[in-house]
Amino acid sequence: MKNEKSKWITYSLTDCLVKLAKKNKKFIVLDADLSDDLGLKKFSDLFPERFIQNGIAEQDMVSMAGGIALNGLLPIVNSFASFLTSRANEQIYNNATENTKIIYLSLYAGLLPAGAGKSHQSLRDISLLSSIPNFRIFQPVNYIEVFKILNHCIFREKNNCAIRLSIGPPPKKVIETTNNISFQNGKGSILGRGKKVLIFAYGQYMINEVLKLNKILNKKKIIPKIINMSCLNNFNKEWLKGVVRDCKYIFAIDDHSIVGGLGDNLQSELNNLKLLKNKFYFKIGLDKFPECGTLQEVLKFHKLDSVSLSKNILKKIALHGN
């Protein structure tokens, strides 16, 4: 199957913005000189009065978004996640204290692609935003979920939102496997229906490795329950209780620092709900500065490729008994 750009997470987002702009005339798109990466020219040509090009000035852009929000409009702010969430963190925080609503598009989120190096790899954005009280963080796994998450953020969500966006063509296996995903706020989508071993992951690159990992574990007669967890800091309590009830081993795989990502957020919620009794919980993510290179080189270096992940999971299961 061809990876047409309409099925890329980035380019599909602009198509979604165009569709939703006809339903909601109050949102304004602000961009930090990265419109080419999302194909935003299509939106700006159709809605020139609703598009503001700010240039490479994230702090000014986020401050402008704060003023727009205070005037009853809905700003949708786009920049690379590493620049937006760290460089403009003070302004994002100040906006949040106003109890207005802003949607932040965190482009180029996560470890991959790694060609641009450490300055562009965003591995602390989840932790930076999760510490702000009225924030919800999402990451769509495919172009279908892009529309559902953006639609939720514009029309239903009361809190500020950050949508992490992967750059690059979607892996073929991800498109084939996640085609029927149904986004529900606070819940994940079940991709594999085992019981004893439970794996949470998110984003097209890590879900792709987990799908490959699944085949390796199956050969060892281990059938994991795999969950695409596109809500990264907001969990439906009743759903979570049902998901973890029968499992013994829980693994949370982050495309982020091992500190402050989904793994930490999920563990905190599971502890609050007292759901980890007689279970083993493991976080997997980056514990050092990211490497630069090809997709597979970098995954292998950080032991986040399917083979390394399978070895890690099998070792932990063996260590703690069957």
Protein backbone atom coordinates (compact mmCIF):
# COMPACT_ATOMS: atom_id res chain seq x y z
CA MET A 1 0.00 0.00 0.00
CA LYS A 2 1.28 3.46 -0.87
CA ASN A 3 1.76 5.86 2.01
CA GLU A 4 -0.12 8.72 0.35
CA LYS A 5 0.42 12.03 2.09
CA SER A 6 -3.30 12.19 2.86
CA LYS A 7 -2.64 9.33 5.28
CA TRP A 8 0.30 11.00 6.97
CA ILE A 9 -0.58 12.29 10.42
CA THR A 10 0.79 15.75 9.61
CA TYR A 11 -0.90 16.38 6.26
CA SER A 12 -4.17 14.82 7.34
CA LEU A 13 -4.37 17.35 10.16
CA THR A 14 -4.69 20.26 7.73
CA ASP A 15 -7.46 18.42 5.87
CA CYS A 16 -9.22 18.05 9.22
CA LEU A 17 -8.76 21.72 10.05
CA VAL A 18 -10.37 22.68 6.74
CA LYS A 19 -13.38 20.41 7.39
CA LEU A 20 -13.85 21.56 10.96
CA ALA A 21 -13.38 25.26 10.14
CA LYS A 22 -16.71 25.13 8.33
CA LYS A 23 -18.40 23.91 11.53
CA ASN A 24 -16.62 26.18 13.98
CA LYS A 25 -15.94 29.72 12.80
CA LYS A 26 -14.24 30.76 16.02
CA PHE A 27 -10.91 28.99 15.76
CA ILE A 28 -7.78 30.79 14.54
CA VAL A 29 -4.61 28.99 13.44
CA LEU A 30 -1.24 30.47 14.51
CA ASP A 31 2.01 29.14 13.02
CA ALA A 32 5.72 29.54 13.85
CA ASP A 33 7.13 29.35 10.31
CA LEU A 34 6.35 25.63 10.00
CA SER A 35 3.32 25.73 7.70
CA ASP A 36 5.10 23.59 5.09
CA ASP A 37 5.45 20.72 7.57
CA LEU A 38 1.67 20.53 7.97
CA GLY A 39 0.68 21.71 4.51
CA LEU A 40 -1.06 24.66 6.18
CA LYS A 41 -1.05 26.72 2.97
CA LYS A 42 -4.22 24.86 2.03
CA PHE A 43 -5.88 26.22 5.18
CA SER A 44 -4.44 29.74 4.87
CA ASP A 45 -5.57 30.02 1.23
CA LEU A 46 -9.14 29.08 2.16
CA PHE A 47 -9.30 31.04 5.42
CA PRO A 48 -6.72 33.87 5.18
CA GLU A 49 -8.47 35.89 7.88
CA ARG A 50 -8.15 32.94 10.29
CA PHE A 51 -4.43 32.25 9.80
CA ILE A 52 -1.60 34.19 11.47
CA GLN A 53 2.03 33.57 10.49
CA ASN A 54 4.18 34.53 13.49
CA GLY A 55 7.59 33.44 12.28
CA ILE A 56 10.11 31.79 14.58
CA ALA A 57 8.81 33.46 17.74
CA GLU A 58 7.04 30.88 19.90
CA GLN A 59 6.85 33.03 23.03
CA ASP A 60 5.26 35.92 21.15
CA MET A 61 2.91 33.54 19.34
CA VAL A 62 1.69 31.87 22.54
CA SER A 63 1.22 35.28 24.21
CA MET A 64 -0.82 36.38 21.18
CA ALA A 65 -2.88 33.18 21.49
CA GLY A 66 -3.60 34.07 25.11
CA GLY A 67 -5.06 37.43 24.08
CA ILE A 68 -7.11 35.82 21.30
CA ALA A 69 -8.52 33.27 23.77
CA LEU A 70 -9.49 36.00 26.23
CA ASN A 71 -11.55 37.57 23.44
CA GLY A 72 -13.69 34.46 23.06
CA LEU A 73 -11.94 32.81 20.11
CA LEU A 74 -10.13 29.44 20.02
CA PRO A 75 -6.44 29.64 19.06
CA ILE A 76 -4.80 26.57 17.51
CA VAL A 77 -1.05 27.05 17.85
CA ASN A 78 1.52 25.14 15.77
CA SER A 79 5.26 24.65 16.28
CA PHE A 80 7.80 21.89 16.87
CA ALA A 81 7.08 20.27 20.24
CA SER A 82 10.63 20.78 21.52
CA PHE A 83 10.45 24.54 20.90
CA LEU A 84 6.81 25.17 21.74
CA THR A 85 6.56 23.38 25.08
CA SER A 86 9.94 24.41 26.49
CA ARG A 87 10.74 27.81 24.98
CA ALA A 88 7.20 29.14 25.51
CA ASN A 89 6.46 27.17 28.68
CA GLU A 90 6.07 30.30 30.81
CA GLN A 91 3.51 31.73 28.39
CA ILE A 92 1.66 28.40 28.10
CA TYR A 93 1.43 28.25 31.89
CA ASN A 94 0.24 31.86 32.17
CA ASN A 95 -2.43 31.25 29.52
CA ALA A 96 -3.64 28.19 31.42
CA THR A 97 -4.12 30.24 34.59
CA GLU A 98 -6.65 32.40 32.73
CA ASN A 99 -8.98 29.38 32.44
CA THR A 100 -9.32 29.91 28.70
CA LYS A 101 -8.89 27.17 26.12
CA ILE A 102 -6.04 26.88 23.62
CA ILE A 103 -5.04 23.92 21.43
CA TYR A 104 -1.29 23.42 20.97
CA LEU A 105 -0.08 21.34 18.02
CA SER A 106 3.17 19.75 19.19
CA LEU A 107 4.76 18.87 15.87
CA TYR A 108 7.75 16.52 15.58
CA ALA A 109 7.01 15.02 19.01
CA GLY A 110 9.13 12.19 20.37
CA LEU A 111 12.39 10.51 19.44
CA LEU A 112 11.76 9.97 15.73
CA PRO A 113 12.66 10.88 13.07
CA ALA A 114 16.09 11.52 14.57
CA GLY A 115 17.96 13.07 11.67
CA ALA A 116 17.68 16.65 12.94
CA GLY A 117 19.31 15.79 16.27
CA LYS A 118 18.81 16.60 19.93
CA SER A 119 17.45 20.13 19.50
CA HIS A 120 14.45 18.82 17.56
CA GLN A 121 13.76 15.55 19.42
CA SER A 122 11.04 16.31 21.97
CA LEU A 123 11.39 14.05 24.99
CA ARG A 124 10.14 16.21 27.86
CA ASP A 125 7.00 17.87 26.52
CA ILE A 126 4.58 15.46 28.24
CA SER A 127 6.17 16.10 31.63
CA LEU A 128 6.22 19.89 31.08
CA LEU A 129 2.52 20.03 30.24
CA SER A 130 1.22 17.33 32.60
CA SER A 131 2.25 19.48 35.56
CA ILE A 132 -0.22 22.18 34.45
CA PRO A 133 -3.61 21.47 36.10
CA ASN A 134 -6.06 22.03 33.24
CA PHE A 135 -4.20 20.32 30.41
CA ARG A 136 -5.00 17.24 28.31
CA ILE A 137 -2.34 15.63 26.11
CA PHE A 138 -3.13 13.38 23.14
CA GLN A 139 -1.19 11.60 20.43
CA PRO A 140 -2.99 10.14 17.40
CA VAL A 141 -1.59 6.88 16.04
CA ASN A 142 -2.94 7.42 12.51
CA TYR A 143 -4.79 9.83 10.23
CA ILE A 144 -8.18 8.51 11.38
CA GLU A 145 -7.43 9.33 14.99
CA VAL A 146 -6.16 12.77 13.96
CA PHE A 147 -9.68 13.77 12.96
CA LYS A 148 -11.30 12.23 16.04
CA ILE A 149 -8.87 13.83 18.49
CA LEU A 150 -8.95 17.25 16.81
CA ASN A 151 -12.75 17.13 16.69
CA HIS A 152 -12.82 16.25 20.41
CA CYS A 153 -10.41 19.05 21.31
CA ILE A 154 -12.34 21.69 19.37
CA PHE A 155 -15.92 20.76 20.22
CA ARG A 156 -15.92 18.77 23.47
CA GLU A 157 -12.81 19.26 25.58
CA LYS A 158 -13.07 21.96 28.27
CA ASN A 159 -9.36 21.99 29.10
CA ASN A 160 -6.32 23.21 27.22
CA CYS A 161 -5.09 20.58 24.78
CA ALA A 162 -1.77 19.50 23.33
CA ILE A 163 -1.77 17.16 20.35
CA ARG A 164 1.58 15.45 19.75
CA LEU A 165 2.13 14.85 16.04
CA SER A 166 4.53 12.39 14.40
CA ILE A 167 6.32 13.51 11.25
CA GLY A 168 6.91 11.12 8.36
CA PRO A 169 5.08 8.39 6.47
CA PRO A 170 3.09 5.94 8.60
CA PRO A 171 4.47 2.40 8.82
CA LYS A 172 2.41 0.04 6.66
CA LYS A 173 1.66 -2.29 9.56
CA VAL A 174 0.28 0.56 11.66
CA ILE A 175 -2.17 1.63 8.96
CA GLU A 176 -3.33 -1.95 8.41
CA THR A 177 -3.71 -2.77 12.12
CA THR A 178 -5.18 0.47 13.44
CA ASN A 179 -7.67 1.16 10.65
CA ASN A 180 -10.71 0.58 12.90
CA ILE A 181 -9.57 2.51 15.96
CA SER A 182 -12.36 4.34 17.75
CA PHE A 183 -11.08 7.22 19.89
CA GLN A 184 -12.78 7.73 23.25
CA ASN A 185 -11.51 10.33 25.68
CA GLY A 186 -9.61 8.78 28.59
CA LYS A 187 -9.61 5.31 27.04
CA GLY A 188 -7.22 3.36 24.85
CA SER A 189 -7.86 1.17 21.83
CA ILE A 190 -7.21 -2.55 22.28
CA LEU A 191 -5.04 -3.98 19.47
CA GLY A 192 -4.24 -7.34 21.05
CA ARG A 193 -6.45 -9.29 23.42
CA GLY A 194 -4.21 -11.24 25.75
CA LYS A 195 -4.66 -11.21 29.52
CA LYS A 196 -1.55 -11.89 31.54
CA VAL A 197 0.77 -9.36 29.89
CA LEU A 198 -0.47 -5.82 29.19
CA ILE A 199 1.44 -3.34 27.01
CA PHE A 200 0.55 0.36 26.75
CA ALA A 201 2.14 2.37 23.92
CA TYR A 202 1.30 5.31 21.66
CA GLY A 203 2.30 7.04 18.43
CA GLN A 204 2.93 5.47 15.04
CA TYR A 205 6.58 4.58 15.62
CA MET A 206 6.28 2.87 18.99
CA ILE A 207 3.02 1.13 18.09
CA ASN A 208 4.79 -0.23 15.02
CA GLU A 209 7.55 -1.72 17.19
CA VAL A 210 5.00 -3.17 19.61
CA LEU A 211 3.10 -4.82 16.75
CA LYS A 212 6.35 -6.44 15.61
CA LEU A 213 7.15 -7.33 19.22
CA ASN A 214 3.81 -9.10 19.44
CA LYS A 215 4.91 -11.68 16.86
CA ILE A 216 8.12 -12.37 18.79
CA LEU A 217 6.22 -12.89 22.04
CA ASN A 218 3.64 -15.10 20.32
CA LYS A 219 6.44 -17.49 19.32
CA LYS A 220 7.27 -17.76 23.03
CA LYS A 221 3.60 -18.56 23.68
CA ILE A 222 2.96 -15.18 25.28
CA ILE A 223 -0.13 -13.38 24.00
CA PRO A 224 -0.08 -9.76 25.25
CA LYS A 225 -2.95 -7.33 25.48
CA ILE A 226 -1.78 -4.31 23.46
CA ILE A 227 -3.33 -0.89 23.99
CA ASN A 228 -2.85 2.18 21.85
CA MET A 229 -3.10 4.82 24.58
CA SER A 230 -3.66 8.09 22.74
CA CYS A 231 -4.69 9.91 25.96
CA LEU A 232 -1.38 10.48 27.72
CA ASN A 233 -2.38 12.14 31.01
CA ASN A 234 -6.11 11.55 31.33
CA PHE A 235 -7.61 8.14 32.10
CA ASN A 236 -11.16 6.86 32.47
CA LYS A 237 -11.08 5.15 35.87
CA GLU A 238 -13.70 2.48 35.23
CA TRP A 239 -12.18 1.58 31.88
CA LEU A 240 -8.73 1.34 33.44
CA LYS A 241 -9.98 -0.97 36.20
CA GLY A 242 -11.43 -3.33 33.61
CA VAL A 243 -8.30 -3.30 31.43
CA VAL A 244 -5.82 -4.21 34.18
CA ARG A 245 -8.06 -6.58 36.17
CA ASP A 246 -6.74 -9.91 34.87
CA CYS A 247 -3.15 -8.96 34.01
CA LYS A 248 -0.05 -9.68 36.05
CA TYR A 249 2.60 -7.74 34.13
CA ILE A 250 2.06 -4.17 32.93
CA PHE A 251 4.48 -2.42 30.57
CA ALA A 252 4.22 1.26 29.59
CA ILE A 253 6.41 2.14 26.60
CA ASP A 254 7.15 5.83 26.11
CA ASP A 255 8.28 7.82 23.09
CA HIS A 256 9.57 10.31 25.66
CA SER A 257 11.88 10.44 28.64
CA ILE A 258 11.17 7.62 31.06
CA VAL A 259 10.58 10.43 33.60
CA GLY A 260 7.27 12.25 33.34
CA GLY A 261 5.76 10.45 30.35
CA LEU A 262 2.80 8.13 29.97
CA GLY A 263 4.50 5.56 32.21
CA ASP A 264 4.65 7.93 35.18
CA ASN A 265 1.16 9.35 34.59
CA LEU A 266 -0.35 5.89 34.29
CA GLN A 267 1.49 4.52 37.32
CA SER A 268 0.27 7.44 39.42
CA GLU A 269 -3.35 6.78 38.42
CA LEU A 270 -3.05 3.02 39.00
CA ASN A 271 -1.57 3.67 42.45
CA ASN A 272 -4.34 6.14 43.30
CA LEU A 273 -6.91 3.51 42.33
CA LYS A 274 -5.00 0.81 44.25
CA LEU A 275 -4.86 -1.37 41.14
CA LEU A 276 -1.23 -2.52 41.31
CA LYS A 277 -1.61 -5.02 44.15
CA ASN A 278 -0.11 -8.40 43.14
CA LYS A 279 0.96 -6.95 39.79
CA PHE A 280 4.34 -5.93 38.35
CA TYR A 281 4.58 -2.53 36.63
CA PHE A 282 7.46 -1.54 34.34
CA LYS A 283 8.25 1.72 32.56
CA ILE A 284 10.27 1.72 29.35
CA GLY A 285 11.52 4.93 27.75
CA LEU A 286 14.62 7.07 27.22
CA ASP A 287 17.00 7.44 30.16
CA LYS A 288 19.70 9.42 28.33
CA PHE A 289 20.04 12.13 25.71
CA PRO A 290 18.70 10.97 22.33
CA GLU A 291 20.96 9.73 19.56
CA CYS A 292 20.86 10.95 15.97
CA GLY A 293 20.61 8.57 13.00
CA THR A 294 18.20 6.49 10.97
CA LEU A 295 14.97 5.28 12.51
CA GLN A 296 16.18 1.73 13.15
CA GLU A 297 19.66 2.81 14.29
CA VAL A 298 18.22 5.09 16.94
CA LEU A 299 15.57 2.62 18.10
CA LYS A 300 18.21 -0.09 18.46
CA PHE A 301 20.62 2.23 20.32
CA HIS A 302 17.94 3.08 22.88
CA LYS A 303 16.70 -0.52 23.03
CA LEU A 304 13.25 0.53 21.80
CA ASP A 305 13.25 -1.66 18.70
CA SER A 306 11.02 -4.75 18.72
CA VAL A 307 13.87 -7.22 19.33
CA SER A 308 15.31 -5.28 22.27
CA LEU A 309 11.86 -4.71 23.73
CA SER A 310 11.03 -8.42 23.52
CA LYS A 311 14.24 -9.34 25.32
CA ASN A 312 13.51 -6.78 28.04
CA ILE A 313 9.93 -7.95 28.53
CA LEU A 314 10.83 -11.66 28.52
CA LYS A 315 13.63 -11.03 31.03
CA LYS A 316 11.31 -9.21 33.42
CA ILE A 317 8.61 -11.87 33.17
CA ALA A 318 11.18 -14.60 33.83
CA LEU A 319 12.68 -12.67 36.75
CA HIS A 320 9.33 -12.30 38.49
CA GLY A 321 8.02 -15.78 37.76
CA ASN A 322 5.33 -17.04 35.39
